[in-house]
């Protein structure tokens, strides 16, 4: 017998004996590999009546990123974030059709929901949202000055100051993300 055929036969025996350990298959030590040699191991177990074990589940990139698990919100089993996104999108679409106040309400709901999700992921070390989180407060302050304060804040100087503030905030947020990510990796190991 050739070496490759002997190795194949040895692997079949190992698979069959591993499948028989699951409990319930009782007897038939030598006859099992020859009886189902051509079929997959799952079919052999099903033919013997043994329950098939599910394949080990590998976490997706949505659950674990760079060794850091996705953080759960404090309302974890309840999908409040997803409900907020759906409500915000519906308000946005309805408002876009001709109701400006509903449009603003939709944008407001979406901003709050997305900001919460980004803050949670960023400060847990899961995913960096430095630029988005830096631009958000600068934009809110700028809009507050223009709309509520009735200040004429525009032009190249206003843009330069806004970008400088957002850049400094983004740098600080990136440092916080790196330290949170290293803490999360140390905690996981």
N, C-alpha and C. Protein backbone atom coordinates (compact mmCIF):
# COMPACT_ATOMS: atom_id res chain seq x y z
N UNK A 1 0.85 -1.17 0.00
CA UNK A 1 0.00 0.00 0.00
C UNK A 1 0.89 1.23 0.00
N UNK A 2 0.49 2.24 -0.78
CA UNK A 2 1.31 3.45 -0.86
C UNK A 2 1.17 4.27 0.42
N UNK A 3 2.13 5.17 0.62
CA UNK A 3 2.15 5.99 1.83
C UNK A 3 0.96 6.94 1.87
N UNK A 4 0.61 7.54 0.72
CA UNK A 4 -0.51 8.50 0.72
C UNK A 4 -1.83 7.79 1.01
N UNK A 5 -2.03 6.58 0.48
CA UNK A 5 -3.26 5.85 0.77
C UNK A 5 -3.33 5.46 2.24
N UNK A 6 -2.20 5.12 2.82
CA UNK A 6 -2.18 4.76 4.24
C UNK A 6 -2.51 5.97 5.11
N UNK A 7 -1.99 7.13 4.73
CA UNK A 7 -2.29 8.35 5.49
C UNK A 7 -3.77 8.70 5.39
N UNK A 8 -4.34 8.56 4.18
CA UNK A 8 -5.76 8.85 4.01
C UNK A 8 -6.61 7.92 4.87
N UNK A 9 -6.26 6.67 4.89
CA UNK A 9 -7.00 5.69 5.69
C UNK A 9 -6.87 6.01 7.18
N UNK A 10 -5.70 6.43 7.59
CA UNK A 10 -5.47 6.77 8.99
C UNK A 10 -6.30 8.01 9.37
N UNK A 11 -6.38 8.99 8.48
CA UNK A 11 -7.20 10.18 8.75
C UNK A 11 -8.68 9.82 8.85
N UNK A 12 -9.15 8.91 7.97
CA UNK A 12 -10.55 8.49 8.04
C UNK A 12 -10.85 7.80 9.37
N UNK A 13 -9.95 6.97 9.83
CA UNK A 13 -10.14 6.29 11.12
C UNK A 13 -10.17 7.30 12.27
N UNK A 14 -9.29 8.30 12.20
CA UNK A 14 -9.26 9.31 13.26
C UNK A 14 -10.56 10.11 13.28
N UNK A 15 -11.07 10.49 12.09
CA UNK A 15 -12.33 11.22 12.03
C UNK A 15 -13.48 10.37 12.55
N UNK A 16 -13.51 9.11 12.18
CA UNK A 16 -14.60 8.23 12.60
C UNK A 16 -14.55 8.01 14.11
N UNK A 17 -13.36 7.86 14.68
CA UNK A 17 -13.27 7.65 16.13
C UNK A 17 -13.59 8.94 16.88
N UNK A 18 -13.27 10.10 16.31
CA UNK A 18 -13.62 11.36 16.94
C UNK A 18 -15.13 11.57 16.90
N UNK A 19 -15.78 11.14 15.84
CA UNK A 19 -17.23 11.26 15.73
C UNK A 19 -17.94 10.30 16.66
N UNK A 20 -17.37 9.16 16.97
CA UNK A 20 -17.98 8.17 17.85
C UNK A 20 -17.88 8.55 19.31
N UNK A 21 -16.99 9.48 19.67
CA UNK A 21 -16.82 9.87 21.06
C UNK A 21 -17.97 10.73 21.56
N UNK A 22 -18.74 11.35 20.66
CA UNK A 22 -19.81 12.26 21.03
C UNK A 22 -20.89 11.61 21.87
N UNK A 23 -20.89 10.33 22.03
CA UNK A 23 -21.87 9.64 22.86
C UNK A 23 -23.05 9.19 22.03
N UNK A 24 -23.43 7.96 22.20
CA UNK A 24 -24.62 7.47 21.54
C UNK A 24 -24.31 6.54 20.39
N UNK A 25 -23.12 6.48 19.89
CA UNK A 25 -22.81 5.67 18.73
C UNK A 25 -22.46 4.25 19.10
N UNK A 26 -22.17 3.89 20.19
CA UNK A 26 -21.77 2.64 20.80
C UNK A 26 -21.14 1.60 19.95
N UNK A 27 -20.46 0.73 19.86
CA UNK A 27 -19.93 -0.35 19.09
C UNK A 27 -19.41 0.05 17.74
N UNK A 28 -19.11 -0.94 16.94
CA UNK A 28 -18.71 -0.72 15.56
C UNK A 28 -17.40 0.00 15.41
N UNK A 29 -16.36 -0.35 16.16
CA UNK A 29 -15.10 0.35 16.08
C UNK A 29 -14.41 0.18 14.76
N UNK A 30 -14.29 -1.05 14.25
CA UNK A 30 -13.53 -1.25 13.03
C UNK A 30 -14.37 -1.10 11.78
N UNK A 31 -15.67 -1.35 11.84
CA UNK A 31 -16.49 -1.33 10.64
C UNK A 31 -16.92 0.06 10.21
N UNK A 32 -16.84 1.04 11.04
CA UNK A 32 -17.37 2.37 10.71
C UNK A 32 -16.62 3.04 9.58
N UNK A 33 -15.27 3.04 9.56
CA UNK A 33 -14.60 3.76 8.48
C UNK A 33 -14.89 3.16 7.11
N UNK A 34 -14.98 1.84 7.01
CA UNK A 34 -15.19 1.24 5.71
C UNK A 34 -16.63 1.42 5.25
N UNK A 35 -17.59 1.49 6.20
CA UNK A 35 -18.99 1.63 5.83
C UNK A 35 -19.26 3.00 5.21
N UNK A 36 -18.71 4.09 5.77
CA UNK A 36 -18.99 5.43 5.26
C UNK A 36 -17.75 6.12 4.76
N UNK A 37 -16.83 5.40 4.14
CA UNK A 37 -15.54 5.97 3.76
C UNK A 37 -15.69 7.08 2.73
N UNK A 38 -16.70 7.02 1.88
CA UNK A 38 -16.81 8.01 0.83
C UNK A 38 -17.54 9.28 1.25
N UNK A 39 -18.36 9.23 2.31
CA UNK A 39 -19.19 10.39 2.69
C UNK A 39 -18.50 11.28 3.69
N UNK A 40 -19.06 12.43 3.91
CA UNK A 40 -18.49 13.34 4.90
C UNK A 40 -18.74 12.84 6.32
N UNK A 41 -17.93 13.29 7.27
CA UNK A 41 -18.07 12.82 8.64
C UNK A 41 -19.44 13.16 9.23
N UNK A 42 -20.05 14.28 8.86
CA UNK A 42 -21.36 14.65 9.38
C UNK A 42 -22.43 13.65 8.95
N UNK A 43 -22.32 13.15 7.72
CA UNK A 43 -23.28 12.16 7.24
C UNK A 43 -23.11 10.85 7.99
N UNK A 44 -21.87 10.49 8.34
CA UNK A 44 -21.64 9.27 9.10
C UNK A 44 -22.28 9.37 10.47
N UNK A 45 -22.13 10.53 11.14
CA UNK A 45 -22.73 10.70 12.46
C UNK A 45 -24.25 10.68 12.37
N UNK A 46 -24.79 11.32 11.34
CA UNK A 46 -26.24 11.34 11.19
C UNK A 46 -26.78 9.95 10.93
N UNK A 47 -26.02 9.14 10.17
CA UNK A 47 -26.44 7.77 9.90
C UNK A 47 -26.43 6.94 11.18
N UNK A 48 -25.52 7.23 12.10
CA UNK A 48 -25.44 6.47 13.36
C UNK A 48 -26.44 6.99 14.38
N UNK A 49 -27.01 8.17 14.14
CA UNK A 49 -27.97 8.73 15.08
C UNK A 49 -27.33 9.66 16.10
N UNK A 50 -26.04 9.94 15.98
CA UNK A 50 -25.38 10.84 16.92
C UNK A 50 -25.66 12.28 16.52
N UNK A 51 -25.85 13.17 17.49
CA UNK A 51 -26.10 14.57 17.15
C UNK A 51 -24.86 15.21 16.54
N UNK A 52 -25.09 16.05 15.54
CA UNK A 52 -23.96 16.72 14.91
C UNK A 52 -23.63 17.98 15.70
N UNK A 53 -22.38 18.17 15.99
CA UNK A 53 -21.94 19.35 16.73
C UNK A 53 -21.79 20.51 15.76
N UNK A 54 -22.25 21.69 16.14
CA UNK A 54 -22.09 22.83 15.23
C UNK A 54 -20.63 23.20 15.08
N UNK A 55 -20.31 23.71 13.91
CA UNK A 55 -18.93 24.12 13.65
C UNK A 55 -18.58 25.29 14.57
N UNK A 56 -17.33 25.38 15.00
CA UNK A 56 -16.95 26.49 15.88
C UNK A 56 -17.18 27.82 15.17
N UNK A 57 -17.81 28.74 15.85
CA UNK A 57 -18.17 30.02 15.28
C UNK A 57 -17.03 31.01 15.47
N UNK A 58 -16.57 31.59 14.37
CA UNK A 58 -15.52 32.60 14.44
C UNK A 58 -16.19 33.97 14.46
N UNK A 59 -15.81 34.83 15.39
CA UNK A 59 -16.43 36.15 15.44
C UNK A 59 -16.10 36.96 14.19
N UNK A 60 -17.07 37.71 13.74
CA UNK A 60 -16.86 38.52 12.54
C UNK A 60 -16.15 39.82 12.89
N UNK A 61 -15.80 40.56 11.87
CA UNK A 61 -15.13 41.85 12.07
C UNK A 61 -16.07 42.85 12.74
N UNK A 62 -17.37 42.59 12.63
CA UNK A 62 -18.34 43.46 13.28
C UNK A 62 -18.35 43.24 14.80
N UNK A 63 -17.90 42.09 15.26
CA UNK A 63 -17.91 41.79 16.69
C UNK A 63 -16.57 42.05 17.36
N UNK A 64 -15.48 41.72 16.67
CA UNK A 64 -14.13 41.90 17.22
C UNK A 64 -13.28 42.56 16.15
N UNK A 65 -12.58 43.62 16.55
CA UNK A 65 -11.71 44.34 15.61
C UNK A 65 -10.37 44.55 16.29
N UNK A 66 -9.31 44.07 15.67
CA UNK A 66 -7.95 44.19 16.19
C UNK A 66 -7.84 43.65 17.61
N UNK A 67 -8.57 42.59 17.89
CA UNK A 67 -8.49 41.95 19.20
C UNK A 67 -9.34 42.61 20.28
N UNK A 68 -10.14 43.59 19.91
CA UNK A 68 -10.98 44.30 20.89
C UNK A 68 -12.44 44.01 20.57
N UNK A 69 -13.22 43.53 21.54
CA UNK A 69 -14.63 43.25 21.27
C UNK A 69 -15.46 44.53 21.20
N UNK A 70 -16.54 44.47 20.45
CA UNK A 70 -17.46 45.62 20.33
C UNK A 70 -18.11 45.86 21.69
N UNK A 71 -18.11 47.10 22.17
CA UNK A 71 -18.70 47.38 23.48
C UNK A 71 -20.22 47.36 23.42
N UNK A 72 -20.82 46.81 24.46
CA UNK A 72 -22.28 46.80 24.56
C UNK A 72 -22.75 48.07 25.23
N UNK A 73 -23.91 48.58 24.83
CA UNK A 73 -24.45 49.74 25.54
C UNK A 73 -25.01 49.32 26.89
N UNK A 74 -25.35 50.29 27.72
CA UNK A 74 -25.87 49.94 29.04
C UNK A 74 -27.27 49.33 28.94
N UNK A 75 -27.95 49.54 27.82
CA UNK A 75 -29.27 48.94 27.59
C UNK A 75 -29.15 47.71 26.70
N UNK A 76 -28.06 46.97 26.83
CA UNK A 76 -27.60 45.93 25.90
C UNK A 76 -28.66 45.03 25.27
N UNK A 77 -29.51 44.34 25.95
CA UNK A 77 -30.39 43.46 25.17
C UNK A 77 -31.44 44.22 24.38
N UNK A 78 -31.78 45.43 24.78
CA UNK A 78 -32.80 46.22 24.08
C UNK A 78 -32.13 47.00 22.95
N UNK A 79 -32.63 46.91 21.73
CA UNK A 79 -31.98 47.57 20.57
C UNK A 79 -32.33 49.05 20.44
N UNK A 80 -32.04 49.84 21.45
CA UNK A 80 -32.40 51.25 21.44
C UNK A 80 -31.65 52.03 20.35
N UNK A 81 -30.40 51.72 20.14
CA UNK A 81 -29.62 52.42 19.11
C UNK A 81 -30.21 52.17 17.73
N UNK A 82 -30.54 50.93 17.44
CA UNK A 82 -31.10 50.60 16.13
C UNK A 82 -32.48 51.22 15.95
N UNK A 83 -33.30 51.23 17.00
CA UNK A 83 -34.61 51.87 16.92
C UNK A 83 -34.45 53.36 16.67
N UNK A 84 -33.50 53.98 17.36
CA UNK A 84 -33.25 55.41 17.15
C UNK A 84 -32.82 55.71 15.73
N UNK A 85 -32.01 54.82 15.15
CA UNK A 85 -31.58 55.04 13.76
C UNK A 85 -32.76 54.93 12.80
N UNK A 86 -33.63 53.96 13.02
CA UNK A 86 -34.80 53.80 12.15
C UNK A 86 -35.72 55.02 12.28
N UNK A 87 -35.99 55.45 13.52
CA UNK A 87 -36.84 56.62 13.73
C UNK A 87 -36.23 57.85 13.08
N UNK A 88 -34.93 58.05 13.25
CA UNK A 88 -34.26 59.20 12.64
C UNK A 88 -34.32 59.16 11.13
N UNK A 89 -34.13 57.98 10.54
CA UNK A 89 -34.19 57.87 9.08
C UNK A 89 -35.60 58.13 8.56
N UNK A 90 -36.61 57.61 9.27
CA UNK A 90 -37.99 57.85 8.84
C UNK A 90 -38.32 59.34 8.92
N UNK A 91 -37.94 59.98 10.03
CA UNK A 91 -38.18 61.42 10.15
C UNK A 91 -37.44 62.20 9.06
N UNK A 92 -36.22 61.78 8.77
CA UNK A 92 -35.43 62.45 7.74
C UNK A 92 -36.10 62.34 6.38
N UNK A 93 -36.56 61.14 6.03
CA UNK A 93 -37.19 60.92 4.71
C UNK A 93 -38.51 61.69 4.63
N UNK A 94 -39.31 61.63 5.70
CA UNK A 94 -40.58 62.36 5.69
C UNK A 94 -40.31 63.86 5.61
N UNK A 95 -39.34 64.33 6.36
CA UNK A 95 -39.01 65.75 6.32
C UNK A 95 -38.43 66.18 5.01
N UNK A 96 -37.70 65.31 4.36
CA UNK A 96 -37.11 65.64 3.06
C UNK A 96 -38.19 65.81 2.00
N UNK A 97 -39.33 65.17 2.23
CA UNK A 97 -40.43 65.26 1.28
C UNK A 97 -41.16 66.60 1.36
N UNK A 98 -40.86 67.44 2.34
CA UNK A 98 -41.49 68.74 2.36
C UNK A 98 -41.78 69.32 3.73
N UNK A 99 -41.30 68.72 4.80
CA UNK A 99 -41.53 69.26 6.14
C UNK A 99 -40.18 69.58 6.77
N UNK A 100 -39.72 70.82 6.70
CA UNK A 100 -38.38 71.15 7.18
C UNK A 100 -38.17 70.91 8.68
N UNK A 101 -39.19 71.11 9.49
CA UNK A 101 -39.02 70.87 10.93
C UNK A 101 -38.87 69.39 11.24
N UNK A 102 -39.59 68.56 10.52
CA UNK A 102 -39.45 67.11 10.69
C UNK A 102 -38.06 66.68 10.21
N UNK A 103 -37.59 67.30 9.14
CA UNK A 103 -36.23 67.01 8.64
C UNK A 103 -35.19 67.34 9.71
N UNK A 104 -35.33 68.49 10.35
CA UNK A 104 -34.40 68.86 11.43
C UNK A 104 -34.50 67.90 12.61
N UNK A 105 -35.72 67.47 12.93
CA UNK A 105 -35.88 66.50 14.01
C UNK A 105 -35.19 65.18 13.66
N UNK A 106 -35.34 64.73 12.42
CA UNK A 106 -34.67 63.50 11.98
C UNK A 106 -33.16 63.61 12.04
N UNK A 107 -32.64 64.75 11.59
CA UNK A 107 -31.20 64.98 11.66
C UNK A 107 -30.74 64.99 13.11
N UNK A 108 -31.50 65.63 13.97
CA UNK A 108 -31.15 65.68 15.40
C UNK A 108 -31.11 64.29 16.03
N UNK A 109 -32.12 63.48 15.74
CA UNK A 109 -32.15 62.11 16.29
C UNK A 109 -30.97 61.31 15.77
N UNK A 110 -30.70 61.41 14.48
CA UNK A 110 -29.57 60.67 13.90
C UNK A 110 -28.23 61.12 14.48
N UNK A 111 -28.07 62.42 14.69
CA UNK A 111 -26.82 62.93 15.26
C UNK A 111 -26.61 62.37 16.67
N UNK A 112 -27.67 62.39 17.47
CA UNK A 112 -27.54 61.87 18.85
C UNK A 112 -27.22 60.38 18.85
N UNK A 113 -27.92 59.61 18.04
CA UNK A 113 -27.72 58.16 18.03
C UNK A 113 -26.33 57.80 17.51
N UNK A 114 -25.92 58.42 16.42
CA UNK A 114 -24.61 58.12 15.83
C UNK A 114 -23.49 58.60 16.76
N UNK A 115 -23.68 59.75 17.39
CA UNK A 115 -22.66 60.25 18.33
C UNK A 115 -22.50 59.30 19.51
N UNK A 116 -23.60 58.78 20.03
CA UNK A 116 -23.51 57.83 21.15
C UNK A 116 -22.77 56.57 20.73
N UNK A 117 -23.10 56.03 19.57
CA UNK A 117 -22.44 54.83 19.08
C UNK A 117 -20.95 55.07 18.86
N UNK A 118 -20.61 56.20 18.25
CA UNK A 118 -19.20 56.52 17.98
C UNK A 118 -18.42 56.73 19.28
N UNK A 119 -19.01 57.44 20.24
CA UNK A 119 -18.34 57.63 21.53
C UNK A 119 -18.09 56.30 22.22
N UNK A 120 -19.09 55.44 22.22
CA UNK A 120 -18.96 54.14 22.89
C UNK A 120 -17.85 53.31 22.24
N UNK A 121 -17.85 53.22 20.91
CA UNK A 121 -16.82 52.43 20.21
C UNK A 121 -15.44 53.06 20.36
N UNK A 122 -15.37 54.38 20.30
CA UNK A 122 -14.08 55.08 20.34
C UNK A 122 -13.41 54.91 21.71
N UNK A 123 -14.13 55.20 22.77
CA UNK A 123 -13.52 55.16 24.10
C UNK A 123 -13.40 53.76 24.67
N UNK A 124 -13.94 52.76 23.96
CA UNK A 124 -13.70 51.36 24.33
C UNK A 124 -12.50 50.79 23.58
N UNK A 125 -11.98 51.54 22.60
CA UNK A 125 -10.83 51.07 21.83
C UNK A 125 -11.21 50.15 20.70
N UNK A 126 -12.49 50.09 20.33
CA UNK A 126 -12.95 49.19 19.27
C UNK A 126 -12.66 49.77 17.90
N UNK A 127 -13.07 51.00 17.65
CA UNK A 127 -12.85 51.65 16.35
C UNK A 127 -12.68 53.15 16.57
N UNK A 128 -11.74 53.73 15.86
CA UNK A 128 -11.47 55.15 16.02
C UNK A 128 -12.44 55.99 15.19
N UNK A 129 -13.03 56.98 15.86
CA UNK A 129 -13.91 57.94 15.20
C UNK A 129 -13.42 59.35 15.50
N UNK A 130 -12.12 59.55 15.52
CA UNK A 130 -11.52 60.80 15.96
C UNK A 130 -12.01 62.01 15.17
N UNK A 131 -12.00 61.93 13.86
CA UNK A 131 -12.37 63.09 13.04
C UNK A 131 -13.84 63.42 13.20
N UNK A 132 -14.69 62.41 13.15
CA UNK A 132 -16.13 62.66 13.31
C UNK A 132 -16.43 63.25 14.68
N UNK A 133 -15.85 62.68 15.73
CA UNK A 133 -16.09 63.18 17.08
C UNK A 133 -15.47 64.56 17.30
N UNK A 134 -14.43 64.88 16.57
CA UNK A 134 -13.82 66.21 16.69
C UNK A 134 -14.63 67.27 15.94
N UNK A 135 -15.17 66.90 14.80
CA UNK A 135 -15.94 67.86 14.01
C UNK A 135 -17.32 68.14 14.62
N UNK A 136 -17.87 67.18 15.32
CA UNK A 136 -19.23 67.34 15.85
C UNK A 136 -19.36 68.51 16.83
N UNK A 137 -18.55 68.61 17.88
CA UNK A 137 -18.73 69.76 18.78
C UNK A 137 -18.37 71.10 18.13
N UNK A 138 -17.37 71.10 17.25
CA UNK A 138 -17.01 72.35 16.57
C UNK A 138 -18.17 72.81 15.68
N UNK A 139 -18.80 71.89 14.99
CA UNK A 139 -19.95 72.24 14.15
C UNK A 139 -21.13 72.72 14.98
N UNK A 140 -21.39 72.05 16.10
CA UNK A 140 -22.51 72.45 16.95
C UNK A 140 -22.28 73.85 17.52
N UNK A 141 -21.06 74.12 17.98
CA UNK A 141 -20.76 75.45 18.51
C UNK A 141 -20.87 76.50 17.41
N UNK A 142 -20.34 76.20 16.24
CA UNK A 142 -20.42 77.15 15.12
C UNK A 142 -21.89 77.43 14.76
N UNK A 143 -22.69 76.37 14.65
CA UNK A 143 -24.11 76.58 14.33
C UNK A 143 -24.82 77.34 15.44
N UNK A 144 -24.46 77.06 16.69
CA UNK A 144 -25.07 77.77 17.80
C UNK A 144 -24.75 79.25 17.76
N UNK A 145 -23.51 79.58 17.43
CA UNK A 145 -23.14 81.00 17.33
C UNK A 145 -23.89 81.70 16.20
N UNK A 146 -24.02 81.03 15.07
CA UNK A 146 -24.64 81.65 13.91
C UNK A 146 -26.16 81.72 14.07
N UNK A 147 -26.79 80.62 14.47
CA UNK A 147 -28.25 80.57 14.51
C UNK A 147 -28.80 81.23 15.78
N UNK A 148 -28.32 80.81 16.93
CA UNK A 148 -28.87 81.31 18.19
C UNK A 148 -28.26 82.67 18.56
N UNK A 149 -26.94 82.78 18.45
CA UNK A 149 -26.28 84.01 18.85
C UNK A 149 -26.34 85.12 17.83
N UNK A 150 -26.81 84.80 16.63
CA UNK A 150 -26.92 85.78 15.55
C UNK A 150 -25.58 86.48 15.29
N UNK A 151 -24.50 85.68 15.32
CA UNK A 151 -23.15 86.19 15.07
C UNK A 151 -22.79 85.87 13.62
N UNK A 152 -22.17 86.80 12.95
CA UNK A 152 -21.74 86.57 11.58
C UNK A 152 -20.35 85.93 11.62
N UNK A 153 -20.30 84.62 11.67
CA UNK A 153 -19.06 83.88 11.79
C UNK A 153 -18.86 83.08 10.52
N UNK A 154 -18.19 83.68 9.55
CA UNK A 154 -17.94 83.00 8.29
C UNK A 154 -16.69 83.57 7.64
N UNK A 155 -16.30 82.96 6.55
CA UNK A 155 -15.13 83.40 5.83
C UNK A 155 -13.91 82.52 6.13
N UNK A 156 -12.77 82.86 5.52
CA UNK A 156 -11.58 82.04 5.68
C UNK A 156 -11.05 81.99 7.11
N UNK A 157 -11.17 83.08 7.85
CA UNK A 157 -10.70 83.09 9.23
C UNK A 157 -11.53 82.16 10.10
N UNK A 158 -12.83 82.18 9.93
CA UNK A 158 -13.72 81.28 10.69
C UNK A 158 -13.42 79.82 10.35
N UNK A 159 -13.21 79.54 9.07
CA UNK A 159 -12.88 78.17 8.65
C UNK A 159 -11.55 77.73 9.23
N UNK A 160 -10.55 78.60 9.22
CA UNK A 160 -9.23 78.25 9.77
C UNK A 160 -9.32 77.97 11.27
N UNK A 161 -10.08 78.78 12.00
CA UNK A 161 -10.22 78.57 13.45
C UNK A 161 -10.98 77.27 13.72
N UNK A 162 -12.06 77.03 12.98
CA UNK A 162 -12.82 75.78 13.15
C UNK A 162 -11.95 74.55 12.87
N UNK A 163 -11.18 74.60 11.79
CA UNK A 163 -10.33 73.46 11.45
C UNK A 163 -9.21 73.26 12.48
N UNK A 164 -8.65 74.36 12.99
CA UNK A 164 -7.61 74.24 14.01
C UNK A 164 -8.18 73.61 15.29
N UNK A 165 -9.36 74.05 15.70
CA UNK A 165 -9.99 73.47 16.88
C UNK A 165 -10.31 71.98 16.67
N UNK A 166 -10.87 71.67 15.50
CA UNK A 166 -11.20 70.28 15.20
C UNK A 166 -9.94 69.42 15.12
N UNK A 167 -8.87 69.96 14.55
CA UNK A 167 -7.61 69.20 14.46
C UNK A 167 -7.02 68.91 15.83
N UNK A 168 -7.04 69.91 16.71
CA UNK A 168 -6.51 69.69 18.07
C UNK A 168 -7.36 68.68 18.82
N UNK A 169 -8.67 68.78 18.67
CA UNK A 169 -9.56 67.83 19.33
C UNK A 169 -9.39 66.42 18.75
N UNK A 170 -9.20 66.31 17.43
CA UNK A 170 -8.99 65.00 16.81
C UNK A 170 -7.69 64.38 17.29
N UNK A 171 -6.64 65.17 17.46
CA UNK A 171 -5.37 64.65 17.96
C UNK A 171 -5.56 64.10 19.39
N UNK A 172 -6.25 64.86 20.24
CA UNK A 172 -6.50 64.43 21.62
C UNK A 172 -7.34 63.15 21.63
N UNK A 173 -8.37 63.10 20.78
CA UNK A 173 -9.23 61.90 20.72
C UNK A 173 -8.46 60.69 20.22
N UNK A 174 -7.54 60.88 19.29
CA UNK A 174 -6.74 59.75 18.79
C UNK A 174 -5.84 59.20 19.89
N UNK A 175 -5.28 60.07 20.71
CA UNK A 175 -4.46 59.62 21.85
C UNK A 175 -5.32 58.81 22.83
N UNK A 176 -6.53 59.26 23.10
CA UNK A 176 -7.43 58.54 24.00
C UNK A 176 -7.80 57.19 23.41
N UNK A 177 -8.02 57.13 22.09
CA UNK A 177 -8.36 55.87 21.45
C UNK A 177 -7.21 54.87 21.57
N UNK A 178 -5.99 55.32 21.32
CA UNK A 178 -4.85 54.40 21.40
C UNK A 178 -4.67 53.84 22.80
N UNK A 179 -4.83 54.69 23.82
CA UNK A 179 -4.69 54.18 25.19
C UNK A 179 -5.84 53.24 25.54
N UNK A 180 -7.07 53.54 25.08
CA UNK A 180 -8.19 52.64 25.35
C UNK A 180 -8.01 51.31 24.63
N UNK A 181 -7.48 51.34 23.42
CA UNK A 181 -7.26 50.11 22.67
C UNK A 181 -6.20 49.24 23.34
N UNK A 182 -5.11 49.85 23.80
CA UNK A 182 -4.07 49.06 24.46
C UNK A 182 -4.59 48.49 25.79
N UNK A 183 -5.40 49.26 26.53
CA UNK A 183 -6.00 48.74 27.77
C UNK A 183 -6.92 47.57 27.48
N UNK A 184 -7.72 47.69 26.42
CA UNK A 184 -8.66 46.61 26.07
C UNK A 184 -7.92 45.36 25.64
N UNK A 185 -6.83 45.51 24.92
CA UNK A 185 -6.04 44.34 24.52
C UNK A 185 -5.38 43.68 25.72
N UNK A 186 -4.87 44.45 26.65
CA UNK A 186 -4.25 43.88 27.86
C UNK A 186 -5.30 43.17 28.71
N UNK A 187 -6.47 43.77 28.79
CA UNK A 187 -7.54 43.18 29.59
C UNK A 187 -8.03 41.87 28.99
N UNK A 188 -8.00 41.77 27.67
CA UNK A 188 -8.50 40.58 26.97
C UNK A 188 -7.54 39.39 27.10
N UNK A 189 -6.24 39.64 27.20
CA UNK A 189 -5.28 38.54 27.26
C UNK A 189 -5.10 37.99 28.63
